[in-house]
Amino acid sequence: MKDLDGALRKYGLSMPEPPAKGGIYEPVKEFGGNFCYLSGCGPVINGQQLYRGKLGAEYTVEEGQAAARYCVLNLLANLKAKIGDLGRVKRIVKMLCFVAGTDTFYEHPQVANGGSQLLEDIFGLEAGRCARSAVGMNALPGNIPVEIELLVELV
């Protein structure tokens, strides 16, 4: 893993507190001895909803990429709270990015790139580049524009 703080500073970011749960679920579920499934997180940092609306209406692709970075930060905060040390991450296996957009918004993969790039910057190319899907949604909880979930392998 690269320097976490340095990678975050590159984007003017810092590690937030783990987000509050929005329902009856586990934020991180360990399985198979060395895997963790991370429940979806949106761009709500330290209790503050940073974005409301859709891509292609209220937000540009670049703003969606920023929202995706905040989603990844929340996921990493949850993972750190569960396992204690992000140095235990062997690799990010899969990312699923949900993008709420207008009916004519088609750049879902470009929005997801914001989260993907942050993972690569933090964990390096080999450990941080993962399999990925980016899908469009009509709406997401709380009118957030992006939600991301991860599958992570630990050492």
C-alpha atoms as a PDB file:
ATOM      1  CA  MET A   1       0.000   0.000   0.000  1.00  0.00           C
ATOM      2  CA  LYS A   2       1.244   3.451  -0.875  1.00  0.00           C
ATOM      3  CA  ASP A   3       1.242   6.316   1.616  1.00  0.00           C
ATOM      4  CA  LEU A   4      -2.453   6.652   2.502  1.00  0.00           C
ATOM      5  CA  ASP A   5      -2.271  10.216   3.780  1.00  0.00           C
ATOM      6  CA  GLY A   6      -0.210  11.348   0.781  1.00  0.00           C
ATOM      7  CA  ALA A   7      -2.648   9.761  -1.660  1.00  0.00           C
ATOM      8  CA  LEU A   8      -5.572  11.463   0.070  1.00  0.00           C
ATOM      9  CA  ARG A   9      -3.796  14.841   0.192  1.00  0.00           C
ATOM     10  CA  LYS A  10      -3.396  14.631  -3.601  1.00  0.00           C
ATOM     11  CA  TYR A  11      -7.168  15.104  -3.793  1.00  0.00           C
ATOM     12  CA  GLY A  12      -7.483  17.426  -0.793  1.00  0.00           C
ATOM     13  CA  LEU A  13      -9.079  14.597   1.213  1.00  0.00           C
ATOM     14  CA  SER A  14      -8.630  12.988   4.616  1.00  0.00           C
ATOM     15  CA  MET A  15      -9.991   9.820   6.194  1.00  0.00           C
ATOM     16  CA  PRO A  16     -13.485  10.456   7.612  1.00  0.00           C
ATOM     17  CA  GLU A  17     -15.217   8.786  10.523  1.00  0.00           C
ATOM     18  CA  PRO A  18     -17.109   5.625   9.493  1.00  0.00           C
ATOM     19  CA  PRO A  19     -20.545   6.657   8.232  1.00  0.00           C
ATOM     20  CA  ALA A  20     -23.691   5.941  10.221  1.00  0.00           C
ATOM     21  CA  LYS A  21     -25.602   2.872   9.064  1.00  0.00           C
ATOM     22  CA  GLY A  22     -28.741   3.559   7.058  1.00  0.00           C
ATOM     23  CA  GLY A  23     -30.568   0.321   7.851  1.00  0.00           C
ATOM     24  CA  ILE A  24     -30.343  -3.218   9.140  1.00  0.00           C
ATOM     25  CA  TYR A  25     -27.086  -4.576   7.700  1.00  0.00           C
ATOM     26  CA  GLU A  26     -23.368  -4.954   8.380  1.00  0.00           C
ATOM     27  CA  PRO A  27     -21.109  -2.274   6.851  1.00  0.00           C
ATOM     28  CA  VAL A  28     -18.359  -4.899   6.410  1.00  0.00           C
ATOM     29  CA  LYS A  29     -18.911  -8.647   6.341  1.00  0.00           C
ATOM     30  CA  GLU A  30     -15.889 -10.962   6.475  1.00  0.00           C
ATOM     31  CA  PHE A  31     -16.116 -14.329   4.713  1.00  0.00           C
ATOM     32  CA  GLY A  32     -13.975 -17.152   3.389  1.00  0.00           C
ATOM     33  CA  GLY A  33     -11.185 -16.424   5.842  1.00  0.00           C
ATOM     34  CA  ASN A  34      -9.634 -13.500   3.994  1.00  0.00           C
ATOM     35  CA  PHE A  35     -12.368 -11.610   2.116  1.00  0.00           C
ATOM     36  CA  CYS A  36     -14.570  -8.686   3.075  1.00  0.00           C
ATOM     37  CA  TYR A  37     -17.713  -7.495   1.370  1.00  0.00           C
ATOM     38  CA  LEU A  38     -18.245  -3.775   1.968  1.00  0.00           C
ATOM     39  CA  SER A  39     -21.840  -2.567   1.872  1.00  0.00           C
ATOM     40  CA  GLY A  40     -22.571   0.394  -0.356  1.00  0.00           C
ATOM     41  CA  CYS A  41     -21.634   3.892   0.780  1.00  0.00           C
ATOM     42  CA  GLY A  42     -22.554   7.259  -0.625  1.00  0.00           C
ATOM     43  CA  PRO A  43     -20.849  10.660  -0.433  1.00  0.00           C
ATOM     44  CA  VAL A  44     -22.000  11.541   3.088  1.00  0.00           C
ATOM     45  CA  ILE A  45     -18.882  12.562   5.025  1.00  0.00           C
ATOM     46  CA  ASN A  46     -18.914  12.897   8.816  1.00  0.00           C
ATOM     47  CA  GLY A  47     -22.714  13.136   8.732  1.00  0.00           C
ATOM     48  CA  GLN A  48     -22.825  15.831   6.042  1.00  0.00           C
ATOM     49  CA  GLN A  49     -24.514  14.976   2.724  1.00  0.00           C
ATOM     50  CA  LEU A  50     -22.226  16.609   0.188  1.00  0.00           C
ATOM     51  CA  TYR A  51     -24.285  15.941  -2.939  1.00  0.00           C
ATOM     52  CA  ARG A  52     -28.011  15.814  -3.761  1.00  0.00           C
ATOM     53  CA  GLY A  53     -29.198  15.235  -7.291  1.00  0.00           C
ATOM     54  CA  LYS A  54     -28.315  13.455 -10.491  1.00  0.00           C
ATOM     55  CA  LEU A  55     -25.498  13.319 -12.978  1.00  0.00           C
ATOM     56  CA  GLY A  56     -26.447  15.122 -16.148  1.00  0.00           C
ATOM     57  CA  ALA A  57     -28.703  17.539 -14.237  1.00  0.00           C
ATOM     58  CA  GLU A  58     -27.188  18.952 -11.059  1.00  0.00           C
ATOM     59  CA  TYR A  59     -23.723  17.427 -11.536  1.00  0.00           C
ATOM     60  CA  THR A  60     -21.043  17.050 -14.198  1.00  0.00           C
ATOM     61  CA  VAL A  61     -18.893  13.965 -14.717  1.00  0.00           C
ATOM     62  CA  GLU A  62     -16.048  15.656 -12.783  1.00  0.00           C
ATOM     63  CA  GLU A  63     -18.355  16.359  -9.835  1.00  0.00           C
ATOM     64  CA  GLY A  64     -19.548  12.755 -10.002  1.00  0.00           C
ATOM     65  CA  GLN A  65     -15.930  11.595  -9.854  1.00  0.00           C
ATOM     66  CA  ALA A  66     -15.442  13.665  -6.696  1.00  0.00           C
ATOM     67  CA  ALA A  67     -18.576  12.099  -5.201  1.00  0.00           C
ATOM     68  CA  ALA A  68     -17.181   8.644  -6.078  1.00  0.00           C
ATOM     69  CA  ARG A  69     -13.954   9.463  -4.211  1.00  0.00           C
ATOM     70  CA  TYR A  70     -15.991  10.340  -1.116  1.00  0.00           C
ATOM     71  CA  CYS A  71     -17.849   7.026  -1.436  1.00  0.00           C
ATOM     72  CA  VAL A  72     -14.519   5.174  -1.467  1.00  0.00           C
ATOM     73  CA  LEU A  73     -13.338   7.138   1.583  1.00  0.00           C
ATOM     74  CA  ASN A  74     -16.404   5.997   3.501  1.00  0.00           C
ATOM     75  CA  LEU A  75     -15.834   2.410   2.436  1.00  0.00           C
ATOM     76  CA  LEU A  76     -12.227   2.551   3.611  1.00  0.00           C
ATOM     77  CA  ALA A  77     -13.293   4.133   6.915  1.00  0.00           C
ATOM     78  CA  ASN A  78     -15.709   1.232   7.455  1.00  0.00           C
ATOM     79  CA  LEU A  79     -13.051  -1.305   6.525  1.00  0.00           C
ATOM     80  CA  LYS A  80     -10.487   0.277   8.846  1.00  0.00           C
ATOM     81  CA  ALA A  81     -13.019   0.241  11.698  1.00  0.00           C
ATOM     82  CA  LYS A  82     -13.594  -3.490  11.099  1.00  0.00           C
ATOM     83  CA  ILE A  83     -10.039  -4.763  10.528  1.00  0.00           C
ATOM     84  CA  GLY A  84      -7.972  -2.079  12.279  1.00  0.00           C
ATOM     85  CA  ASP A  85      -5.237  -1.631   9.677  1.00  0.00           C
ATOM     86  CA  LEU A  86      -5.667  -0.945   5.964  1.00  0.00           C
ATOM     87  CA  GLY A  87      -2.194  -2.429   5.507  1.00  0.00           C
ATOM     88  CA  ARG A  88      -3.988  -5.801   5.676  1.00  0.00           C
ATOM     89  CA  VAL A  89      -5.566  -5.146   2.257  1.00  0.00           C
ATOM     90  CA  LYS A  90      -4.005  -7.530  -0.259  1.00  0.00           C
ATOM     91  CA  ARG A  91      -6.103  -6.228  -3.152  1.00  0.00           C
ATOM     92  CA  ILE A  92      -9.376  -4.674  -4.116  1.00  0.00           C
ATOM     93  CA  VAL A  93     -11.174  -7.454  -6.004  1.00  0.00           C
ATOM     94  CA  LYS A  94     -14.334  -5.761  -7.311  1.00  0.00           C
ATOM     95  CA  MET A  95     -16.071  -2.421  -7.260  1.00  0.00           C
ATOM     96  CA  LEU A  96     -19.737  -1.881  -8.085  1.00  0.00           C
ATOM     97  CA  CYS A  97     -20.647   1.752  -8.724  1.00  0.00           C
ATOM     98  CA  PHE A  98     -24.261   2.918  -8.904  1.00  0.00           C
ATOM     99  CA  VAL A  99     -24.780   6.268 -10.625  1.00  0.00           C
ATOM    100  CA  ALA A 100     -28.056   8.196 -10.469  1.00  0.00           C
ATOM    101  CA  GLY A 101     -28.356  10.116 -13.703  1.00  0.00           C
ATOM    102  CA  THR A 102     -30.814  11.634 -16.091  1.00  0.00           C
ATOM    103  CA  ASP A 103     -32.313   9.515 -18.863  1.00  0.00           C
ATOM    104  CA  THR A 104     -29.729  10.948 -21.261  1.00  0.00           C
ATOM    105  CA  PHE A 105     -26.644  10.510 -19.028  1.00  0.00           C
ATOM    106  CA  TYR A 106     -24.377   7.737 -20.297  1.00  0.00           C
ATOM    107  CA  GLU A 107     -20.956   8.376 -18.700  1.00  0.00           C
ATOM    108  CA  HIS A 108     -21.364   6.035 -15.725  1.00  0.00           C
ATOM    109  CA  PRO A 109     -17.908   4.445 -16.202  1.00  0.00           C
ATOM    110  CA  GLN A 110     -16.236   7.869 -16.235  1.00  0.00           C
ATOM    111  CA  VAL A 111     -17.924   8.721 -12.909  1.00  0.00           C
ATOM    112  CA  ALA A 112     -16.733   5.415 -11.427  1.00  0.00           C
ATOM    113  CA  ASN A 113     -13.185   6.321 -12.495  1.00  0.00           C
ATOM    114  CA  GLY A 114     -13.055   8.787  -9.593  1.00  0.00           C
ATOM    115  CA  GLY A 115     -13.288   5.926  -7.099  1.00  0.00           C
ATOM    116  CA  SER A 116     -11.105   3.591  -9.147  1.00  0.00           C
ATOM    117  CA  GLN A 117      -8.315   6.150  -9.408  1.00  0.00           C
ATOM    118  CA  LEU A 118      -8.332   6.793  -5.659  1.00  0.00           C
ATOM    119  CA  LEU A 119      -8.059   3.040  -4.968  1.00  0.00           C
ATOM    120  CA  GLU A 120      -5.084   2.800  -7.340  1.00  0.00           C
ATOM    121  CA  ASP A 121      -3.450   5.851  -5.764  1.00  0.00           C
ATOM    122  CA  ILE A 122      -3.824   4.362  -2.278  1.00  0.00           C
ATOM    123  CA  PHE A 123      -3.079   0.688  -2.896  1.00  0.00           C
ATOM    124  CA  GLY A 124      -1.004   0.814  -6.073  1.00  0.00           C
ATOM    125  CA  LEU A 125      -1.789  -0.482  -9.542  1.00  0.00           C
ATOM    126  CA  GLU A 126      -1.618  -4.210  -8.810  1.00  0.00           C
ATOM    127  CA  ALA A 127      -3.591  -4.167  -5.551  1.00  0.00           C
ATOM    128  CA  GLY A 128      -5.848  -1.207  -6.304  1.00  0.00           C
ATOM    129  CA  ARG A 129      -7.015  -1.905  -9.863  1.00  0.00           C
ATOM    130  CA  CYS A 130     -10.040  -4.142  -9.598  1.00  0.00           C
ATOM    131  CA  ALA A 131     -12.793  -5.684 -11.666  1.00  0.00           C
ATOM    132  CA  ARG A 132     -15.623  -3.183 -11.911  1.00  0.00           C
ATOM    133  CA  SER A 133     -19.168  -2.476 -12.977  1.00  0.00           C
ATOM    134  CA  ALA A 134     -20.754   0.961 -13.256  1.00  0.00           C
ATOM    135  CA  VAL A 135     -24.511   1.024 -13.658  1.00  0.00           C
ATOM    136  CA  GLY A 136     -27.136   3.717 -14.030  1.00  0.00           C
ATOM    137  CA  MET A 137     -30.001   4.167 -11.602  1.00  0.00           C
ATOM    138  CA  ASN A 138     -33.106   6.292 -11.656  1.00  0.00           C
ATOM    139  CA  ALA A 139     -32.611   7.244  -7.997  1.00  0.00           C
ATOM    140  CA  LEU A 140     -30.423   6.380  -5.015  1.00  0.00           C
ATOM    141  CA  PRO A 141     -31.137   6.677  -1.262  1.00  0.00           C
ATOM    142  CA  GLY A 142     -31.308  10.246   0.014  1.00  0.00           C
ATOM    143  CA  ASN A 143     -31.050  11.556  -3.553  1.00  0.00           C
ATOM    144  CA  ILE A 144     -27.280  10.890  -3.577  1.00  0.00           C
ATOM    145  CA  PRO A 145     -25.763  10.754  -7.080  1.00  0.00           C
ATOM    146  CA  VAL A 146     -23.291   7.889  -6.484  1.00  0.00           C
ATOM    147  CA  GLU A 147     -23.069   4.798  -4.276  1.00  0.00           C
ATOM    148  CA  ILE A 148     -20.197   2.296  -4.324  1.00  0.00           C
ATOM    149  CA  GLU A 149     -19.621  -1.117  -2.803  1.00  0.00           C
ATOM    150  CA  LEU A 150     -16.411  -3.171  -2.718  1.00  0.00           C
ATOM    151  CA  LEU A 151     -15.101  -6.712  -2.399  1.00  0.00           C
ATOM    152  CA  VAL A 152     -11.667  -6.790  -0.751  1.00  0.00           C
ATOM    153  CA  GLU A 153      -9.108  -9.539  -0.157  1.00  0.00           C
ATOM    154  CA  LEU A 154      -6.998  -9.372   3.008  1.00  0.00           C
ATOM    155  CA  VAL A 155      -3.614 -10.833   3.872  1.00  0.00           C
END
